[in-house]
Amino acid sequence: EAYPAWKAIFDQTADLRKQAGEISYQLLRYDNDTNKIVHFSEWSSLDKARRFFESPELAEIRRRAGVKAPHFMYLQEIERGVL
């Protein structure tokens, strides 16, 4: 039940994320817990991603929906390849 609540908020914020600088995303689910997911996303800048995910606006959206803020980890890409 946690994932559906989170996913509803995720879908509702698609336009906000795009306007804030999100370029693409990928959602992965743990194979042993359907409520645990990993959200990878590519942003136009690391600063824009931080501003969005830590914004009071997003915190308020989560609060109204009763969804806890997930743990965030900000990473900088150093290499990408296709095999």
PDB file of N, CA and C in Angstrom:
ATOM      1  N   GLU A   1       0.804  -1.207   0.000  1.00  0.00           N
ATOM      2  CA  GLU A   1       0.000   0.000   0.000  1.00  0.00           C
ATOM      3  C   GLU A   1       0.844   1.266   0.000  1.00  0.00           C
ATOM      4  N   ALA A   2       2.078   1.201   0.450  1.00  0.00           N
ATOM      5  CA  ALA A   2       2.935   2.389   0.446  1.00  0.00           C
ATOM      6  C   ALA A   2       3.308   2.798  -0.982  1.00  0.00           C
ATOM      7  N   TYR A   3       3.613   1.821  -1.823  1.00  0.00           N
ATOM      8  CA  TYR A   3       4.005   2.153  -3.194  1.00  0.00           C
ATOM      9  C   TYR A   3       2.884   2.855  -3.953  1.00  0.00           C
ATOM     10  N   PRO A   4       1.652   2.358  -3.932  1.00  0.00           N
ATOM     11  CA  PRO A   4       0.603   3.057  -4.679  1.00  0.00           C
ATOM     12  C   PRO A   4       0.420   4.519  -4.247  1.00  0.00           C
ATOM     13  N   ALA A   5       0.531   4.796  -2.953  1.00  0.00           N
ATOM     14  CA  ALA A   5       0.405   6.182  -2.477  1.00  0.00           C
ATOM     15  C   ALA A   5       1.563   7.027  -3.006  1.00  0.00           C
ATOM     16  N   TRP A   6       2.776   6.487  -2.926  1.00  0.00           N
ATOM     17  CA  TRP A   6       3.937   7.212  -3.431  1.00  0.00           C
ATOM     18  C   TRP A   6       3.831   7.416  -4.940  1.00  0.00           C
ATOM     19  N   LYS A   7       3.408   6.373  -5.669  1.00  0.00           N
ATOM     20  CA  LYS A   7       3.336   6.444  -7.138  1.00  0.00           C
ATOM     21  C   LYS A   7       2.317   7.480  -7.587  1.00  0.00           C
ATOM     22  N   ALA A   8       1.225   7.609  -6.855  1.00  0.00           N
ATOM     23  CA  ALA A   8       0.225   8.623  -7.201  1.00  0.00           C
ATOM     24  C   ALA A   8       0.844  10.019  -7.130  1.00  0.00           C
ATOM     25  N   ILE A   9       1.608  10.286  -6.080  1.00  0.00           N
ATOM     26  CA  ILE A   9       2.286  11.580  -5.944  1.00  0.00           C
ATOM     27  C   ILE A   9       3.339  11.741  -7.039  1.00  0.00           C
ATOM     28  N   PHE A  10       4.080  10.691  -7.301  1.00  0.00           N
ATOM     29  CA  PHE A  10       5.103  10.722  -8.348  1.00  0.00           C
ATOM     30  C   PHE A  10       4.479  11.104  -9.686  1.00  0.00           C
ATOM     31  N   ASP A  11       3.373  10.468 -10.036  1.00  0.00           N
ATOM     32  CA  ASP A  11       2.703  10.761 -11.303  1.00  0.00           C
ATOM     33  C   ASP A  11       2.143  12.180 -11.333  1.00  0.00           C
ATOM     34  N   GLN A  12       1.593  12.630 -10.213  1.00  0.00           N
ATOM     35  CA  GLN A  12       1.011  13.979 -10.148  1.00  0.00           C
ATOM     36  C   GLN A  12       2.067  15.071 -10.285  1.00  0.00           C
ATOM     37  N   THR A  13       3.291  14.765  -9.937  1.00  0.00           N
ATOM     38  CA  THR A  13       4.348  15.782  -9.995  1.00  0.00           C
ATOM     39  C   THR A  13       5.191  15.699 -11.270  1.00  0.00           C
ATOM     40  N   ALA A  14       4.756  14.934 -12.247  1.00  0.00           N
ATOM     41  CA  ALA A  14       5.543  14.778 -13.482  1.00  0.00           C
ATOM     42  C   ALA A  14       5.821  16.124 -14.147  1.00  0.00           C
ATOM     43  N   ASP A  15       4.806  16.963 -14.296  1.00  0.00           N
ATOM     44  CA  ASP A  15       5.016  18.268 -14.932  1.00  0.00           C
ATOM     45  C   ASP A  15       5.930  19.153 -14.093  1.00  0.00           C
ATOM     46  N   LEU A  16       5.750  19.120 -12.773  1.00  0.00           N
ATOM     47  CA  LEU A  16       6.623  19.897 -11.882  1.00  0.00           C
ATOM     48  C   LEU A  16       8.071  19.440 -12.018  1.00  0.00           C
ATOM     49  N   ARG A  17       8.273  18.126 -12.055  1.00  0.00           N
ATOM     50  CA  ARG A  17       9.629  17.591 -12.182  1.00  0.00           C
ATOM     51  C   ARG A  17      10.259  18.015 -13.507  1.00  0.00           C
ATOM     52  N   LYS A  18       9.481  17.933 -14.568  1.00  0.00           N
ATOM     53  CA  LYS A  18       9.997  18.312 -15.886  1.00  0.00           C
ATOM     54  C   LYS A  18      10.371  19.795 -15.911  1.00  0.00           C
ATOM     55  N   GLN A  19       9.488  20.645 -15.396  1.00  0.00           N
ATOM     56  CA  GLN A  19       9.768  22.084 -15.358  1.00  0.00           C
ATOM     57  C   GLN A  19      10.981  22.395 -14.485  1.00  0.00           C
ATOM     58  N   ALA A  20      11.189  21.587 -13.450  1.00  0.00           N
ATOM     59  CA  ALA A  20      12.306  21.812 -12.526  1.00  0.00           C
ATOM     60  C   ALA A  20      13.634  21.322 -13.090  1.00  0.00           C
ATOM     61  N   GLY A  21      13.593  20.509 -14.154  1.00  0.00           N
ATOM     62  CA  GLY A  21      14.835  20.072 -14.785  1.00  0.00           C
ATOM     63  C   GLY A  21      15.043  18.576 -14.900  1.00  0.00           C
ATOM     64  N   GLU A  22      14.033  17.775 -14.529  1.00  0.00           N
ATOM     65  CA  GLU A  22      14.201  16.327 -14.684  1.00  0.00           C
ATOM     66  C   GLU A  22      14.119  15.976 -16.164  1.00  0.00           C
ATOM     67  N   ILE A  23      15.067  15.180 -16.617  1.00  0.00           N
ATOM     68  CA  ILE A  23      15.146  14.799 -18.027  1.00  0.00           C
ATOM     69  C   ILE A  23      14.546  13.416 -18.251  1.00  0.00           C
ATOM     70  N   SER A  24      14.877  12.483 -17.375  1.00  0.00           N
ATOM     71  CA  SER A  24      14.372  11.116 -17.510  1.00  0.00           C
ATOM     72  C   SER A  24      14.385  10.456 -16.141  1.00  0.00           C
ATOM     73  N   TYR A  25      13.679   9.328 -16.049  1.00  0.00           N
ATOM     74  CA  TYR A  25      13.668   8.592 -14.781  1.00  0.00           C
ATOM     75  C   TYR A  25      13.527   7.105 -15.043  1.00  0.00           C
ATOM     76  N   GLN A  26      13.843   6.341 -14.030  1.00  0.00           N
ATOM     77  CA  GLN A  26      13.668   4.889 -14.053  1.00  0.00           C
ATOM     78  C   GLN A  26      13.247   4.469 -12.655  1.00  0.00           C
ATOM     79  N   LEU A  27      12.220   3.638 -12.557  1.00  0.00           N
ATOM     80  CA  LEU A  27      11.767   3.102 -11.276  1.00  0.00           C
ATOM     81  C   LEU A  27      12.099   1.618 -11.230  1.00  0.00           C
ATOM     82  N   LEU A  28      12.724   1.198 -10.146  1.00  0.00           N
ATOM     83  CA  LEU A  28      13.074  -0.205  -9.939  1.00  0.00           C
ATOM     84  C   LEU A  28      12.447  -0.663  -8.635  1.00  0.00           C
ATOM     85  N   ARG A  29      11.952  -1.887  -8.617  1.00  0.00           N
ATOM     86  CA  ARG A  29      11.308  -2.438  -7.424  1.00  0.00           C
ATOM     87  C   ARG A  29      12.166  -3.550  -6.846  1.00  0.00           C
ATOM     88  N   TYR A  30      12.273  -3.564  -5.516  1.00  0.00           N
ATOM     89  CA  TYR A  30      12.965  -4.674  -4.850  1.00  0.00           C
ATOM     90  C   TYR A  30      12.220  -5.967  -5.175  1.00  0.00           C
ATOM     91  N   ASP A  31      12.928  -7.043  -5.418  1.00  0.00           N
ATOM     92  CA  ASP A  31      12.256  -8.298  -5.763  1.00  0.00           C
ATOM     93  C   ASP A  31      11.608  -8.962  -4.555  1.00  0.00           C
ATOM     94  N   ASN A  32      11.983  -8.567  -3.346  1.00  0.00           N
ATOM     95  CA  ASN A  32      11.410  -9.197  -2.149  1.00  0.00           C
ATOM     96  C   ASN A  32      10.478  -8.281  -1.359  1.00  0.00           C
ATOM     97  N   ASP A  33      10.213  -7.072  -1.866  1.00  0.00           N
ATOM     98  CA  ASP A  33       9.300  -6.149  -1.187  1.00  0.00           C
ATOM     99  C   ASP A  33       8.735  -5.183  -2.217  1.00  0.00           C
ATOM    100  N   THR A  34       7.487  -5.377  -2.595  1.00  0.00           N
ATOM    101  CA  THR A  34       6.884  -4.578  -3.666  1.00  0.00           C
ATOM    102  C   THR A  34       6.671  -3.120  -3.285  1.00  0.00           C
ATOM    103  N   ASN A  35       6.792  -2.787  -2.005  1.00  0.00           N
ATOM    104  CA  ASN A  35       6.647  -1.395  -1.588  1.00  0.00           C
ATOM    105  C   ASN A  35       7.971  -0.640  -1.575  1.00  0.00           C
ATOM    106  N   LYS A  36       9.078  -1.339  -1.761  1.00  0.00           N
ATOM    107  CA  LYS A  36      10.383  -0.676  -1.784  1.00  0.00           C
ATOM    108  C   LYS A  36      10.812  -0.468  -3.226  1.00  0.00           C
ATOM    109  N   ILE A  37      11.115   0.780  -3.544  1.00  0.00           N
ATOM    110  CA  ILE A  37      11.550   1.094  -4.903  1.00  0.00           C
ATOM    111  C   ILE A  37      12.808   1.952  -4.862  1.00  0.00           C
ATOM    112  N   VAL A  38      13.466   1.995  -5.991  1.00  0.00           N
ATOM    113  CA  VAL A  38      14.583   2.904  -6.213  1.00  0.00           C
ATOM    114  C   VAL A  38      14.196   3.758  -7.410  1.00  0.00           C
ATOM    115  N   HIS A  39      14.318   5.055  -7.253  1.00  0.00           N
ATOM    116  CA  HIS A  39      13.992   6.005  -8.315  1.00  0.00           C
ATOM    117  C   HIS A  39      15.297   6.640  -8.787  1.00  0.00           C
ATOM    118  N   PHE A  40      15.711   6.277  -9.984  1.00  0.00           N
ATOM    119  CA  PHE A  40      16.862   6.922 -10.616  1.00  0.00           C
ATOM    120  C   PHE A  40      16.316   8.005 -11.526  1.00  0.00           C
ATOM    121  N   SER A  41      16.896   9.171 -11.491  1.00  0.00           N
ATOM    122  CA  SER A  41      16.471  10.193 -12.444  1.00  0.00           C
ATOM    123  C   SER A  41      17.666  11.010 -12.903  1.00  0.00           C
ATOM    124  N   GLU A  42      17.570  11.473 -14.130  1.00  0.00           N
ATOM    125  CA  GLU A  42      18.601  12.325 -14.709  1.00  0.00           C
ATOM    126  C   GLU A  42      18.051  13.745 -14.738  1.00  0.00           C
ATOM    127  N   TRP A  43      18.862  14.679 -14.286  1.00  0.00           N
ATOM    128  CA  TRP A  43      18.453  16.083 -14.204  1.00  0.00           C
ATOM    129  C   TRP A  43      19.402  16.949 -15.016  1.00  0.00           C
ATOM    130  N   SER A  44      18.919  18.116 -15.405  1.00  0.00           N
ATOM    131  CA  SER A  44      19.766  19.038 -16.162  1.00  0.00           C
ATOM    132  C   SER A  44      20.927  19.542 -15.311  1.00  0.00           C
ATOM    133  N   SER A  45      20.763  19.540 -13.983  1.00  0.00           N
ATOM    134  CA  SER A  45      21.880  19.859 -13.086  1.00  0.00           C
ATOM    135  C   SER A  45      21.603  19.259 -11.711  1.00  0.00           C
ATOM    136  N   LEU A  46      22.661  18.970 -11.000  1.00  0.00           N
ATOM    137  CA  LEU A  46      22.553  18.435  -9.648  1.00  0.00           C
ATOM    138  C   LEU A  46      21.875  19.447  -8.726  1.00  0.00           C
ATOM    139  N   ASP A  47      22.192  20.714  -8.901  1.00  0.00           N
ATOM    140  CA  ASP A  47      21.599  21.772  -8.084  1.00  0.00           C
ATOM    141  C   ASP A  47      20.085  21.833  -8.274  1.00  0.00           C
ATOM    142  N   LYS A  48      19.620  21.695  -9.511  1.00  0.00           N
ATOM    143  CA  LYS A  48      18.174  21.721  -9.772  1.00  0.00           C
ATOM    144  C   LYS A  48      17.478  20.533  -9.124  1.00  0.00           C
ATOM    145  N   ALA A  49      18.111  19.382  -9.156  1.00  0.00           N
ATOM    146  CA  ALA A  49      17.529  18.196  -8.513  1.00  0.00           C
ATOM    147  C   ALA A  49      17.401  18.423  -7.013  1.00  0.00           C
ATOM    148  N   ARG A  50      18.457  18.920  -6.398  1.00  0.00           N
ATOM    149  CA  ARG A  50      18.422  19.199  -4.951  1.00  0.00           C
ATOM    150  C   ARG A  50      17.332  20.205  -4.607  1.00  0.00           C
ATOM    151  N   ARG A  51      17.274  21.290  -5.376  1.00  0.00           N
ATOM    152  CA  ARG A  51      16.262  22.323  -5.099  1.00  0.00           C
ATOM    153  C   ARG A  51      14.859  21.741  -5.180  1.00  0.00           C
ATOM    154  N   PHE A  52      14.622  20.892  -6.171  1.00  0.00           N
ATOM    155  CA  PHE A  52      13.284  20.316  -6.313  1.00  0.00           C
ATOM    156  C   PHE A  52      12.966  19.367  -5.166  1.00  0.00           C
ATOM    157  N   PHE A  53      13.822  18.381  -4.936  1.00  0.00           N
ATOM    158  CA  PHE A  53      13.513  17.353  -3.945  1.00  0.00           C
ATOM    159  C   PHE A  53      13.497  17.881  -2.520  1.00  0.00           C
ATOM    160  N   GLU A  54      14.171  18.981  -2.267  1.00  0.00           N
ATOM    161  CA  GLU A  54      14.210  19.557  -0.928  1.00  0.00           C
ATOM    162  C   GLU A  54      13.320  20.793  -0.804  1.00  0.00           C
ATOM    163  N   SER A  55      12.479  21.037  -1.811  1.00  0.00           N
ATOM    164  CA  SER A  55      11.653  22.246  -1.820  1.00  0.00           C
ATOM    165  C   SER A  55      10.485  22.154  -0.840  1.00  0.00           C
ATOM    166  N   PRO A  56      10.101  23.291  -0.266  1.00  0.00           N
ATOM    167  CA  PRO A  56       8.922  23.330   0.606  1.00  0.00           C
ATOM    168  C   PRO A  56       7.652  22.905  -0.143  1.00  0.00           C
ATOM    169  N   GLU A  57       7.578  23.226  -1.438  1.00  0.00           N
ATOM    170  CA  GLU A  57       6.404  22.855  -2.243  1.00  0.00           C
ATOM    171  C   GLU A  57       6.233  21.335  -2.290  1.00  0.00           C
ATOM    172  N   LEU A  58       7.309  20.618  -2.545  1.00  0.00           N
ATOM    173  CA  LEU A  58       7.220  19.160  -2.600  1.00  0.00           C
ATOM    174  C   LEU A  58       6.960  18.584  -1.210  1.00  0.00           C
ATOM    175  N   ALA A  59       7.557  19.179  -0.193  1.00  0.00           N
ATOM    176  CA  ALA A  59       7.300  18.730   1.185  1.00  0.00           C
ATOM    177  C   ALA A  59       5.819  18.869   1.526  1.00  0.00           C
ATOM    178  N   GLU A  60       5.197  19.945   1.076  1.00  0.00           N
ATOM    179  CA  GLU A  60       3.770  20.157   1.337  1.00  0.00           C
ATOM    180  C   GLU A  60       2.923  19.149   0.566  1.00  0.00           C
ATOM    181  N   ILE A  61       3.284  18.852  -0.662  1.00  0.00           N
ATOM    182  CA  ILE A  61       2.560  17.843  -1.450  1.00  0.00           C
ATOM    183  C   ILE A  61       2.627  16.502  -0.736  1.00  0.00           C
ATOM    184  N   ARG A  62       3.802  16.132  -0.263  1.00  0.00           N
ATOM    185  CA  ARG A  62       3.954  14.869   0.478  1.00  0.00           C
ATOM    186  C   ARG A  62       3.122  14.875   1.758  1.00  0.00           C
ATOM    187  N   ARG A  63       3.176  15.988   2.483  1.00  0.00           N
ATOM    188  CA  ARG A  63       2.441  16.083   3.743  1.00  0.00           C
ATOM    189  C   ARG A  63       0.945  15.889   3.515  1.00  0.00           C
ATOM    190  N   ARG A  64       0.401  16.575   2.521  1.00  0.00           N
ATOM    191  CA  ARG A  64      -1.037  16.464   2.226  1.00  0.00           C
ATOM    192  C   ARG A  64      -1.418  15.045   1.827  1.00  0.00           C
ATOM    193  N   ALA A  65      -0.513  14.347   1.162  1.00  0.00           N
ATOM    194  CA  ALA A  65      -0.795  12.984   0.705  1.00  0.00           C
ATOM    195  C   ALA A  65      -0.492  11.945   1.781  1.00  0.00           C
ATOM    196  N   GLY A  66       0.134  12.368   2.870  1.00  0.00           N
ATOM    197  CA  GLY A  66       0.493  11.419   3.920  1.00  0.00           C
ATOM    198  C   GLY A  66       1.644  10.509   3.532  1.00  0.00           C
ATOM    199  N   VAL A  67       2.520  11.007   2.665  1.00  0.00           N
ATOM    200  CA  VAL A  67       3.657  10.224   2.182  1.00  0.00           C
ATOM    201  C   VAL A  67       4.936  10.783   2.801  1.00  0.00           C
ATOM    202  N   LYS A  68       5.747   9.899   3.389  1.00  0.00           N
ATOM    203  CA  LYS A  68       7.023  10.312   3.971  1.00  0.00           C
ATOM    204  C   LYS A  68       8.043  10.597   2.881  1.00  0.00           C
ATOM    205  N   ALA A  69       8.926  11.527   3.163  1.00  0.00           N
ATOM    206  CA  ALA A  69      10.022  11.805   2.229  1.00  0.00           C
ATOM    207  C   ALA A  69      10.954  10.599   2.194  1.00  0.00           C
ATOM    208  N   PRO A  70      11.337  10.177   1.005  1.00  0.00           N
ATOM    209  CA  PRO A  70      12.278   9.058   0.913  1.00  0.00           C
ATOM    210  C   PRO A  70      13.700   9.519   1.237  1.00  0.00           C
ATOM    211  N   HIS A  71      14.593   8.573   1.341  1.00  0.00           N
ATOM    212  CA  HIS A  71      16.019   8.881   1.504  1.00  0.00           C
ATOM    213  C   HIS A  71      16.560   9.290   0.137  1.00  0.00           C
ATOM    214  N   PHE A  72      17.226  10.420   0.075  1.00  0.00           N
ATOM    215  CA  PHE A  72      17.794  10.899  -1.184  1.00  0.00           C
ATOM    216  C   PHE A  72      19.295  10.697  -1.198  1.00  0.00           C
ATOM    217  N   MET A  73      19.790  10.329  -2.355  1.00  0.00           N
ATOM    218  CA  MET A  73      21.225  10.224  -2.572  1.00  0.00           C
ATOM    219  C   MET A  73      21.494  10.917  -3.905  1.00  0.00           C
ATOM    220  N   TYR A  74      22.294  11.949  -3.872  1.00  0.00           N
ATOM    221  CA  TYR A  74      22.615  12.697  -5.086  1.00  0.00           C
ATOM    222  C   TYR A  74      23.962  12.215  -5.611  1.00  0.00           C
ATOM    223  N   LEU A  75      23.981  11.855  -6.879  1.00  0.00           N
ATOM    224  CA  LEU A  75      25.183  11.292  -7.495  1.00  0.00           C
ATOM    225  C   LEU A  75      25.535  12.074  -8.752  1.00  0.00           C
ATOM    226  N   GLN A  76      26.802  12.168  -9.040  1.00  0.00           N
ATOM    227  CA  GLN A  76      27.261  12.782 -10.279  1.00  0.00           C
ATOM    228  C   GLN A  76      27.761  11.683 -11.204  1.00  0.00           C
ATOM    229  N   GLU A  77      27.259  11.708 -12.425  1.00  0.00           N
ATOM    230  CA  GLU A  77      27.678  10.700 -13.400  1.00  0.00           C
ATOM    231  C   GLU A  77      29.130  10.942 -13.799  1.00  0.00           C
ATOM    232  N   ILE A  78      29.889   9.868 -13.812  1.00  0.00           N
ATOM    233  CA  ILE A  78      31.273   9.987 -14.280  1.00  0.00           C
ATOM    234  C   ILE A  78      31.495   9.232 -15.590  1.00  0.00           C
ATOM    235  N   GLU A  79      30.591   8.316 -15.898  1.00  0.00           N
ATOM    236  CA  GLU A  79      30.740   7.571 -17.147  1.00  0.00           C
ATOM    237  C   GLU A  79      29.425   6.881 -17.470  1.00  0.00           C
ATOM    238  N   ARG A  80      29.146   6.741 -18.763  1.00  0.00           N
ATOM    239  CA  ARG A  80      27.968   6.012 -19.227  1.00  0.00           C
ATOM    240  C   ARG A  80      28.381   5.219 -20.452  1.00  0.00           C
ATOM    241  N   GLY A  81      27.850   4.034 -20.592  1.00  0.00           N
ATOM    242  CA  GLY A  81      28.191   3.224 -21.754  1.00  0.00           C
ATOM    243  C   GLY A  81      27.057   2.290 -22.133  1.00  0.00           C
ATOM    244  N   VAL A  82      27.121   1.793 -23.310  1.00  0.00           N
ATOM    245  CA  VAL A  82      26.160   0.814 -23.809  1.00  0.00           C
ATOM    246  C   VAL A  82      26.967  -0.350 -24.367  1.00  0.00           C
ATOM    247  N   LEU A  83      26.594  -1.556 -23.984  1.00  0.00           N
ATOM    248  CA  LEU A  83      27.299  -2.746 -24.467  1.00  0.00           C
ATOM    249  C   LEU A  83      26.386  -3.588 -25.333  1.00  0.00           C
TER     250      LEU A  83
END
